[in-house]
């Protein structure tokens, strides 16, 4: 990535559990950490997928949550980390991949 180029972080998932009424409830926690360990962004309990899934939970979903980061000349030229956790509130499970 070059200085000034945008970096987009997009989260995809599939197979959320659905209630009897075909609704789902998936929440996201997102944390972006600078190379020195300080936190640039931290959001907890962001709604990622809520509501009616008429076709069931077997499809592939994007929560519409896209993180956009643009490196500035003053930003350190080393590795940043993005952590995102997905919680399926209906199923009672959580996954936390790291990028």
Protein backbone atom coordinates (compact mmCIF):
# COMPACT_ATOMS: atom_id res chain seq x y z
CA UNK A 1 0.00 0.00 0.00
CA UNK A 2 1.31 3.45 -0.89
CA UNK A 3 0.84 6.63 1.11
CA UNK A 4 -2.47 8.19 0.09
CA UNK A 5 -3.98 4.95 -1.26
CA UNK A 6 -7.12 3.81 0.54
CA UNK A 7 -7.24 0.48 2.33
CA UNK A 8 -10.71 -1.05 2.61
CA UNK A 9 -11.49 -3.69 5.24
CA UNK A 10 -14.69 -5.59 4.42
CA UNK A 11 -16.15 -8.34 6.62
CA UNK A 12 -18.11 -11.21 5.07
CA UNK A 13 -19.81 -14.15 6.78
CA UNK A 14 -22.32 -16.90 6.13
CA UNK A 15 -24.74 -19.16 7.92
CA UNK A 16 -26.09 -16.94 10.70
CA UNK A 17 -28.66 -18.66 12.88
CA UNK A 18 -32.23 -17.53 12.41
CA UNK A 19 -35.11 -17.50 14.86
CA UNK A 20 -38.44 -19.18 14.15
CA UNK A 21 -39.65 -15.91 12.59
CA UNK A 22 -36.61 -16.01 10.18
CA UNK A 23 -34.80 -13.06 11.80
CA UNK A 24 -31.10 -12.90 12.58
CA UNK A 25 -29.00 -10.86 14.98
CA UNK A 26 -25.25 -10.60 14.34
CA UNK A 27 -23.08 -7.98 16.05
CA UNK A 28 -19.50 -6.89 15.32
CA UNK A 29 -16.69 -5.63 17.50
CA UNK A 30 -13.92 -3.83 15.61
CA UNK A 31 -10.53 -2.64 16.81
CA UNK A 32 -7.74 -1.01 14.80
CA UNK A 33 -4.38 -0.86 16.56
CA UNK A 34 -1.40 1.30 15.63
CA UNK A 35 2.09 -0.22 15.48
CA UNK A 36 2.94 1.28 18.89
CA UNK A 37 0.01 -0.60 20.48
CA UNK A 38 -2.31 2.38 20.87
CA UNK A 39 -5.88 2.00 19.63
CA UNK A 40 -6.94 4.04 16.61
CA UNK A 41 -10.56 2.79 16.53
CA UNK A 42 -12.62 0.62 18.85
CA UNK A 43 -16.33 -0.13 18.37
CA UNK A 44 -18.31 -2.77 20.29
CA UNK A 45 -21.72 -4.23 19.52
CA UNK A 46 -22.09 -2.70 16.07
CA UNK A 47 -25.19 -4.17 14.36
CA UNK A 48 -23.96 -6.22 11.39
CA UNK A 49 -27.06 -8.16 10.43
CA UNK A 50 -30.41 -7.74 12.07
CA UNK A 51 -33.85 -8.49 10.78
CA UNK A 52 -35.66 -10.74 8.38
CA UNK A 53 -33.76 -13.30 6.30
CA UNK A 54 -36.53 -14.42 3.97
CA UNK A 55 -34.19 -16.86 2.19
CA UNK A 56 -32.75 -18.31 5.39
CA UNK A 57 -29.27 -18.05 6.81
CA UNK A 58 -27.46 -20.15 4.22
CA UNK A 59 -26.42 -17.20 2.06
CA UNK A 60 -23.24 -15.13 2.10
CA UNK A 61 -23.57 -11.75 3.86
CA UNK A 62 -21.69 -8.50 4.21
CA UNK A 63 -22.84 -6.27 7.05
CA UNK A 64 -22.40 -3.16 4.97
CA UNK A 65 -19.70 -2.18 7.42
CA UNK A 66 -16.59 -1.13 5.53
CA UNK A 67 -13.56 0.40 7.24
CA UNK A 68 -11.65 2.81 5.05
CA UNK A 69 -8.14 3.85 6.02
CA UNK A 70 -5.89 6.21 4.09
CA UNK A 71 -2.25 6.39 5.08
CA UNK A 72 -0.89 9.89 5.54
CA UNK A 73 2.79 10.89 5.25
CA UNK A 74 3.02 11.26 9.06
CA UNK A 75 1.70 7.73 9.71
CA UNK A 76 4.29 5.06 10.60
CA UNK A 77 5.27 2.84 7.68
CA UNK A 78 4.91 -0.41 9.58
CA UNK A 79 2.20 -2.97 10.30
CA UNK A 80 -1.15 -1.96 11.79
CA UNK A 81 -3.65 -4.58 12.93
CA UNK A 82 -7.38 -4.90 12.43
CA UNK A 83 -9.35 -7.22 14.71
CA UNK A 84 -13.02 -7.95 14.11
CA UNK A 85 -15.24 -10.27 16.12
CA UNK A 86 -18.62 -11.45 14.92
CA UNK A 87 -21.20 -12.53 17.50
CA UNK A 88 -24.23 -14.50 16.42
CA UNK A 89 -26.64 -13.53 19.18
CA UNK A 90 -29.21 -16.16 18.14
CA UNK A 91 -26.74 -19.05 18.07
CA UNK A 92 -24.69 -17.74 21.00
CA UNK A 93 -21.34 -18.08 19.23
CA UNK A 94 -18.46 -15.74 18.42
CA UNK A 95 -15.70 -15.85 15.85
CA UNK A 96 -12.70 -13.56 15.98
CA UNK A 97 -10.42 -13.74 12.94
CA UNK A 98 -7.39 -11.42 12.87
CA UNK A 99 -6.08 -9.58 9.82
